[in-house]
Every structure is written in C-alpha cells, then in structure tokens.
Amino acid sequence: MKKLLPVLFCLIFLQSRATIYPVSVLNFQFSPSSLNVVVGDVIHFEWAAGGHTTSSSSVPAGAATWDALINSLTTTFDYTVTVPGSYSYFCKIHGALVMSGSFVATGVMPVTLSAFNINTKNNRPFLTWTTQSEMNADYFSIRKSLNGKDFKEIGKVTATGNSAIKKNYSFSDETIVPGINYVYYALAMIDKDGKTQLSPIKLYKNKNASPKLIISLSPNPISGMGHLMLQFNADKAGLMIAKMVDMQGKVILKRELSGVRGVNNAHIHLGDVPAGIYTIYFSLDNISESYRVVRN
C-alpha cells in the first residue's frame, strides 16, 4: 500500500489542475469550434472581431446553461465544466446555422496522458503519446476528422493496463488523402469498464498537399435568404478577402472573413444582390482562387 501512495498522490495532483481552453470569437465562427475537455476545465471565450453571443443550446442533465455577450465591450466569458457529456452552443445574433460550436467533457480517469504529438514519418502523419501512469486501461482509440468536429475511429492501440512508469505509444495514419491540407486527430482512452476519456484535439498540416484555399461552397445556386456557406484553409490567422463580381466586371460585394490556422467556417450574406451569374474571387496569404456562383 505504501508503494501505491506516491502514484495515487501524483494522479490526484496532476488531475486536480484545471486546463483553460481559449476559444476565439471571430466574425461567423468560434475557433476552435470543437474541443475535448475534462470535468473541472474552463472554456475561455475571448472576443476577436464583430458582435456576438455565446449561448448554450444543449447541455447534459445537471449542467449550467449560459448566455453571454461577446463584443468589444464585453470581451471574455468563462464557463467551468462540472458535468460530463456533450455541450453545444451558438451565437444568437448570427444563428446556429452560421455560427456554432461544441465540446465534449469526460470524467477524470486514472490514466495520465503526459504528451501527445503528431509529426511526419514516411510522408504520413505519425502520432506519438506518453502515459505517465495507467490503471485499469484497456486501449487507445485513434480518431480523425477533416473539419475538427466530426471524428471517426481509424485504429486502436492496446494499452499497458496498469503501470506506474512512463509508457510510450505510436500510430501511423496510412489513410491520409494527398489533397487534404489539414487533418485533426484525438485519442480516446478506454478503460476495462468501458469508461472513456478524450485527449485534446491536435491539428496536422499535410505538407505534401498542394496549397488550396476554398474547400467547399454551398449552396450553388444560391436562393432564399442568400447565405453562401463556405469552408477554407488558412496557414495562419488573418483575413481572407472575398470579392463578388458581375458579368460586366463590376464589384458587387466585398467581404473580409476572419480565419485561423486550419479549417475555417464562414458565410457570405448576399442580401439584396440581384439574380444572376457572378464570380467570387478569394485571396489569402498569396493564394488566390475564383469560383462561379449563381444567385436565383
């Protein structure tokens, strides 16, 4: 029993320190828009541009809801996670379809993850992680996402099970698509009772992919309220310029869209732009692309 006390003390000490997760509130997006956290952690919303709210839309039973302004006058809001489960939130000003985010909270488990990194090996993402200690651990589920929100399991690695010393693990992703610029990864630590704890989400830059700015534009044709939704890549934080030009070459609309490193979600509101065929020119970090769109 005496030999176990230092290990248990170490576990309690490491897991009692809450992690603060910053979430930037930009024009039309929360960044990052998805997080994995542990009960006791703090979500720190911080204003970057525009006028917004952060308002809960779905929380687990027993968890506190929230509704806070985030703008140039009220620049921060902190939410402390007290209940495990899935949380969703949105901006009331721009609506859930345009601006939303989520995080998953898991309870503390007796597996201490002290490192989780992603590098490139043989032109593939190579994940490495280290556990400081393990108790009743079963396996690690490696999960992957192309948008930072929707994760799928791509492999499993068996855990040591019970250990009071450092254990190193690795996994190579052989399924990466050459044309994808950014990929998100996370680990799920599963114990022998089926309980799960999620790691922080890690972003990987695929250096073998050709530079690409726009990932998707929809809908096209554009109808109804005239909202054009888009996803775009960014190698660093900055503003993407979008210019909408008619068939005569006249600039009809110009927007600046805030972006952060990785995959970004944004939208362009066409407002009273008349029906017709247009070209939208996008530019960011010396990358320029153009796309033909139809406004019904």
Protein backbone atom coordinates (compact mmCIF):
# COMPACT_ATOMS: atom_id res chain seq x y z
CA MET A 1 0.00 0.00 0.00
CA LYS A 2 2.84 2.40 0.84
CA LYS A 3 4.28 1.95 -2.64
CA LEU A 4 0.96 2.93 -4.21
CA LEU A 5 0.58 6.16 -2.24
CA PRO A 6 3.10 8.22 -4.27
CA VAL A 7 1.43 7.09 -7.50
CA LEU A 8 -2.07 7.93 -6.26
CA PHE A 9 -0.87 11.29 -4.95
CA CYS A 10 0.70 12.03 -8.32
CA LEU A 11 -2.57 11.17 -10.10
CA ILE A 12 -4.63 13.39 -7.82
CA PHE A 13 -2.13 16.24 -8.16
CA LEU A 14 -1.94 16.10 -11.96
CA GLN A 15 -5.68 15.79 -12.46
CA SER A 16 -6.64 18.50 -9.97
CA ARG A 17 -5.11 21.22 -12.14
CA ALA A 18 -7.81 22.57 -14.45
CA THR A 19 -6.91 23.34 -18.05
CA ILE A 20 -8.11 26.62 -19.55
CA TYR A 21 -9.18 26.27 -23.20
CA PRO A 22 -9.28 29.57 -25.12
CA VAL A 23 -11.97 29.94 -27.80
CA SER A 24 -11.67 32.95 -30.11
CA VAL A 25 -14.95 34.57 -31.14
CA LEU A 26 -14.49 35.86 -34.68
CA ASN A 27 -16.73 37.01 -37.49
CA PHE A 28 -19.02 34.00 -38.09
CA GLN A 29 -17.08 31.34 -36.17
CA PHE A 30 -15.86 30.10 -32.82
CA SER A 31 -12.28 28.87 -33.03
CA PRO A 32 -11.67 26.13 -32.26
CA SER A 33 -15.27 25.14 -32.85
CA SER A 34 -14.82 21.74 -31.18
CA LEU A 35 -12.96 20.72 -28.01
CA ASN A 36 -12.35 17.68 -25.84
CA VAL A 37 -12.14 18.61 -22.16
CA VAL A 38 -12.24 17.05 -18.70
CA VAL A 39 -14.63 17.93 -15.88
CA GLY A 40 -13.11 20.86 -13.99
CA ASP A 41 -11.65 22.52 -17.10
CA VAL A 42 -12.58 26.08 -18.13
CA ILE A 43 -13.78 27.24 -21.56
CA HIS A 44 -12.47 30.79 -22.01
CA PHE A 45 -14.37 32.68 -24.72
CA GLU A 46 -12.41 35.67 -25.97
CA TRP A 47 -13.58 38.37 -28.39
CA ALA A 48 -11.56 38.87 -31.59
CA ALA A 49 -13.92 40.63 -34.01
CA GLY A 50 -17.59 41.52 -34.51
CA GLY A 51 -20.53 41.48 -32.13
CA HIS A 52 -21.71 38.09 -30.85
CA THR A 53 -23.07 35.99 -28.03
CA THR A 54 -22.04 32.62 -26.72
CA SER A 55 -25.27 30.88 -25.77
CA SER A 56 -25.78 27.25 -24.82
CA SER A 57 -28.21 25.28 -26.97
CA SER A 58 -27.71 21.84 -25.44
CA VAL A 59 -26.08 20.74 -22.17
CA PRO A 60 -26.08 17.47 -20.17
CA ALA A 61 -28.57 17.00 -17.35
CA GLY A 62 -27.42 18.88 -14.26
CA ALA A 63 -25.07 21.22 -16.14
CA ALA A 64 -25.50 25.00 -16.04
CA THR A 65 -26.67 26.81 -19.18
CA TRP A 66 -25.13 30.12 -20.27
CA ASP A 67 -25.94 33.17 -22.40
CA ALA A 68 -23.26 35.87 -22.58
CA LEU A 69 -22.44 38.80 -24.83
CA ILE A 70 -19.05 38.76 -26.53
CA ASN A 71 -18.14 42.07 -28.14
CA SER A 72 -15.73 44.98 -27.91
CA LEU A 73 -17.20 45.97 -24.53
CA THR A 74 -17.62 42.51 -23.02
CA THR A 75 -14.54 40.73 -24.31
CA THR A 76 -14.42 37.50 -22.28
CA PHE A 77 -16.62 34.88 -20.69
CA ASP A 78 -15.55 31.79 -18.72
CA TYR A 79 -17.53 28.59 -18.37
CA THR A 80 -16.37 25.96 -15.87
CA VAL A 81 -17.32 22.40 -16.81
CA THR A 82 -18.86 20.49 -13.89
CA VAL A 83 -20.77 17.66 -15.61
CA PRO A 84 -19.54 15.14 -18.22
CA GLY A 85 -21.35 14.97 -21.53
CA SER A 86 -21.81 16.79 -24.85
CA TYR A 87 -22.32 20.57 -24.97
CA SER A 88 -23.45 22.71 -27.92
CA TYR A 89 -23.59 26.49 -28.18
CA PHE A 90 -24.19 29.20 -30.80
CA CYS A 91 -24.28 32.93 -31.46
CA LYS A 92 -27.81 34.32 -31.11
CA ILE A 93 -27.02 37.24 -33.39
CA HIS A 94 -25.87 35.14 -36.37
CA GLY A 95 -27.82 31.95 -35.67
CA ALA A 96 -26.81 28.33 -35.12
CA LEU A 97 -26.61 27.52 -38.84
CA VAL A 98 -23.97 30.21 -39.32
CA MET A 99 -22.04 30.26 -36.04
CA SER A 100 -21.95 27.38 -33.58
CA GLY A 101 -19.53 25.30 -31.51
CA SER A 102 -19.38 22.31 -29.22
CA PHE A 103 -17.26 20.45 -26.70
CA VAL A 104 -17.30 17.01 -25.10
CA ALA A 105 -16.45 16.66 -21.42
CA THR A 106 -15.34 13.37 -19.89
CA GLY A 107 -14.72 12.47 -16.28
CA VAL A 108 -11.26 12.06 -14.80
CA MET A 109 -9.79 8.59 -15.27
CA PRO A 110 -6.68 7.06 -13.66
CA VAL A 111 -4.69 7.35 -16.92
CA THR A 112 -2.37 10.35 -17.04
CA LEU A 113 -1.52 11.43 -20.58
CA SER A 114 1.68 13.49 -20.34
CA ALA A 115 2.37 14.01 -24.06
CA PHE A 116 0.56 13.78 -27.41
CA ASN A 117 2.29 14.89 -30.62
CA ILE A 118 1.98 14.48 -34.39
CA ASN A 119 4.89 14.54 -36.82
CA THR A 120 5.51 13.29 -40.36
CA LYS A 121 7.14 9.90 -40.96
CA ASN A 122 7.35 8.26 -44.38
CA ASN A 123 5.07 11.02 -45.71
CA ARG A 124 2.35 10.01 -43.26
CA PRO A 125 1.01 11.53 -40.01
CA PHE A 126 2.82 9.78 -37.16
CA LEU A 127 1.12 10.08 -33.76
CA THR A 128 3.09 9.57 -30.55
CA TRP A 129 1.88 9.78 -26.97
CA THR A 130 3.09 9.02 -23.47
CA THR A 131 1.24 7.97 -20.35
CA GLN A 132 2.73 8.93 -17.01
CA SER A 133 0.73 6.20 -15.29
CA GLU A 134 -2.13 3.80 -16.06
CA MET A 135 -4.71 1.97 -14.01
CA ASN A 136 -7.24 -0.47 -15.50
CA ALA A 137 -6.55 0.87 -19.01
CA ASP A 138 -7.73 -1.22 -21.97
CA TYR A 139 -6.86 0.51 -25.25
CA PHE A 140 -6.49 3.80 -27.10
CA SER A 141 -8.90 4.67 -29.90
CA ILE A 142 -7.30 6.90 -32.56
CA ARG A 143 -9.86 9.29 -34.05
CA LYS A 144 -9.64 11.53 -37.10
CA SER A 145 -11.60 14.47 -38.53
CA LEU A 146 -11.36 16.62 -41.65
CA ASN A 147 -13.27 19.54 -40.12
CA GLY A 148 -12.33 19.43 -36.43
CA LYS A 149 -15.87 18.43 -35.40
CA ASP A 150 -16.83 15.03 -36.78
CA PHE A 151 -14.40 12.34 -35.64
CA LYS A 152 -14.20 8.69 -36.73
CA GLU A 153 -12.09 5.89 -35.29
CA ILE A 154 -9.28 4.85 -37.64
CA GLY A 155 -7.37 2.46 -35.37
CA LYS A 156 -6.73 1.02 -31.92
CA VAL A 157 -3.60 0.56 -29.82
CA THR A 158 -3.60 -1.75 -26.81
CA ALA A 159 -2.74 -0.07 -23.50
CA THR A 160 -0.33 -1.47 -20.94
CA GLY A 161 -3.18 -1.69 -18.44
CA ASN A 162 -1.58 -0.94 -15.09
CA SER A 163 1.67 0.98 -14.78
CA ALA A 164 3.38 3.47 -12.50
CA ILE A 165 6.07 4.38 -15.06
CA LYS A 166 6.10 6.16 -18.41
CA LYS A 167 4.82 4.20 -21.39
CA ASN A 168 5.29 5.34 -24.98
CA TYR A 169 2.89 4.62 -27.86
CA SER A 170 2.68 5.42 -31.56
CA PHE A 171 0.38 5.10 -34.56
CA SER A 172 0.86 5.87 -38.27
CA ASP A 173 -2.13 7.03 -40.30
CA GLU A 174 -1.91 5.21 -43.64
CA THR A 175 -5.25 6.54 -44.89
CA ILE A 176 -4.49 10.24 -45.34
CA VAL A 177 -5.68 11.69 -48.67
CA PRO A 178 -2.93 13.58 -50.55
CA GLY A 179 -5.20 16.50 -51.44
CA ILE A 180 -6.25 17.29 -47.87
CA ASN A 181 -4.33 20.21 -46.33
CA TYR A 182 -5.35 19.88 -42.67
CA VAL A 183 -6.40 16.90 -40.55
CA TYR A 184 -7.48 16.79 -36.89
CA TYR A 185 -6.68 13.93 -34.50
CA ALA A 186 -7.70 12.93 -30.97
CA LEU A 187 -7.18 9.97 -28.67
CA ALA A 188 -9.89 8.24 -26.67
CA MET A 189 -8.53 6.37 -23.64
CA ILE A 190 -10.82 3.45 -22.86
CA ASP A 191 -10.61 1.53 -19.59
CA LYS A 192 -11.66 -2.09 -18.99
CA ASP A 193 -15.01 -0.92 -17.58
CA GLY A 194 -15.80 0.89 -20.84
CA LYS A 195 -15.26 4.40 -19.48
CA THR A 196 -13.75 6.94 -21.86
CA GLN A 197 -11.52 9.98 -21.51
CA LEU A 198 -10.68 12.15 -24.54
CA SER A 199 -7.38 13.84 -25.29
CA PRO A 200 -7.08 17.41 -26.58
CA ILE A 201 -7.58 17.74 -30.35
CA LYS A 202 -4.40 18.10 -32.41
CA LEU A 203 -4.07 19.74 -35.84
CA TYR A 204 -1.81 18.22 -38.53
CA LYS A 205 -0.56 20.08 -41.62
CA ASN A 206 -0.18 17.83 -44.66
CA LYS A 207 2.92 19.31 -46.29
CA ASN A 208 2.54 17.05 -49.32
CA ALA A 209 -0.80 18.60 -50.29
CA SER A 210 -0.90 21.40 -52.86
CA PRO A 211 -1.87 24.79 -51.44
CA LYS A 212 -5.66 25.16 -51.56
CA LEU A 213 -7.81 27.95 -50.19
CA ILE A 214 -11.50 27.06 -50.67
CA ILE A 215 -12.65 23.63 -49.51
CA SER A 216 -16.37 23.97 -50.20
CA LEU A 217 -19.06 26.47 -51.27
CA SER A 218 -22.76 25.79 -50.80
CA PRO A 219 -25.47 26.11 -51.85
CA ASN A 220 -24.86 26.87 -55.50
CA PRO A 221 -27.24 28.07 -56.95
CA ILE A 222 -27.94 30.41 -54.02
CA SER A 223 -31.55 31.08 -53.15
CA GLY A 224 -33.76 32.08 -50.24
CA MET A 225 -32.08 34.43 -47.78
CA GLY A 226 -28.91 34.45 -49.87
CA HIS A 227 -26.47 32.82 -47.44
CA LEU A 228 -23.42 31.27 -49.10
CA MET A 229 -21.68 28.90 -46.68
CA LEU A 230 -18.01 28.12 -47.17
CA GLN A 231 -15.04 26.30 -45.69
CA PHE A 232 -11.50 27.49 -46.29
CA ASN A 233 -7.94 26.65 -45.28
CA ALA A 234 -5.60 29.09 -43.57
CA ASP A 235 -1.94 28.57 -42.69
CA LYS A 236 -2.09 31.31 -40.06
CA ALA A 237 -4.53 33.79 -38.56
CA GLY A 238 -5.59 36.53 -40.94
CA LEU A 239 -8.32 37.99 -43.14
CA MET A 240 -9.48 36.36 -46.36
CA ILE A 241 -10.78 38.86 -48.91
CA ALA A 242 -13.85 37.85 -50.92
CA LYS A 243 -14.94 39.98 -53.90
CA MET A 244 -18.11 39.24 -55.85
CA VAL A 245 -18.00 40.47 -59.46
CA ASP A 246 -20.82 40.52 -62.02
CA MET A 247 -20.58 39.54 -65.69
CA GLN A 248 -19.54 43.11 -66.64
CA GLY A 249 -16.62 43.06 -64.19
CA LYS A 250 -18.25 45.33 -61.61
CA VAL A 251 -17.54 44.57 -57.94
CA ILE A 252 -20.96 43.96 -56.38
CA LEU A 253 -19.90 42.91 -52.90
CA LYS A 254 -16.70 42.72 -50.85
CA ARG A 255 -16.19 40.95 -47.52
CA GLU A 256 -13.33 40.33 -45.08
CA LEU A 257 -13.56 36.88 -43.45
CA SER A 258 -11.53 36.17 -40.31
CA GLY A 259 -9.55 32.94 -40.34
CA VAL A 260 -7.31 30.97 -38.01
CA ARG A 261 -4.82 28.20 -38.77
CA GLY A 262 -6.57 25.09 -40.03
CA VAL A 263 -10.07 24.61 -41.46
CA ASN A 264 -12.37 27.63 -41.15
CA ASN A 265 -16.14 28.02 -41.49
CA ALA A 266 -17.61 31.25 -42.78
CA HIS A 267 -20.55 32.64 -44.72
CA ILE A 268 -21.32 35.47 -47.10
CA HIS A 269 -24.73 37.13 -46.89
CA LEU A 270 -25.71 38.30 -50.36
CA GLY A 271 -28.53 40.50 -49.08
CA ASP A 272 -30.19 42.32 -52.00
CA VAL A 273 -27.76 41.14 -54.68
CA PRO A 274 -29.99 40.58 -57.74
CA ALA A 275 -30.36 37.25 -59.53
CA GLY A 276 -27.57 36.49 -61.95
CA ILE A 277 -24.26 34.77 -62.57
CA TYR A 278 -21.27 36.02 -60.60
CA THR A 279 -17.62 35.23 -59.94
CA ILE A 280 -16.26 35.35 -56.40
CA TYR A 281 -12.53 36.00 -56.05
CA PHE A 282 -10.91 34.82 -52.81
CA SER A 283 -7.42 35.78 -51.63
CA LEU A 284 -5.43 34.94 -48.52
CA ASP A 285 -1.68 34.63 -47.89
CA ASN A 286 -0.69 34.98 -51.56
CA ILE A 287 -3.20 32.32 -52.61
CA SER A 288 -6.00 33.41 -54.94
CA GLU A 289 -8.91 31.35 -56.26
CA SER A 290 -12.12 32.17 -58.13
CA TYR A 291 -15.48 30.40 -58.33
CA ARG A 292 -18.59 30.91 -60.46
CA VAL A 293 -21.86 31.11 -58.47
CA VAL A 294 -25.49 31.60 -59.45
CA ARG A 295 -27.91 33.78 -57.49
CA ASN A 296 -31.54 32.75 -58.06
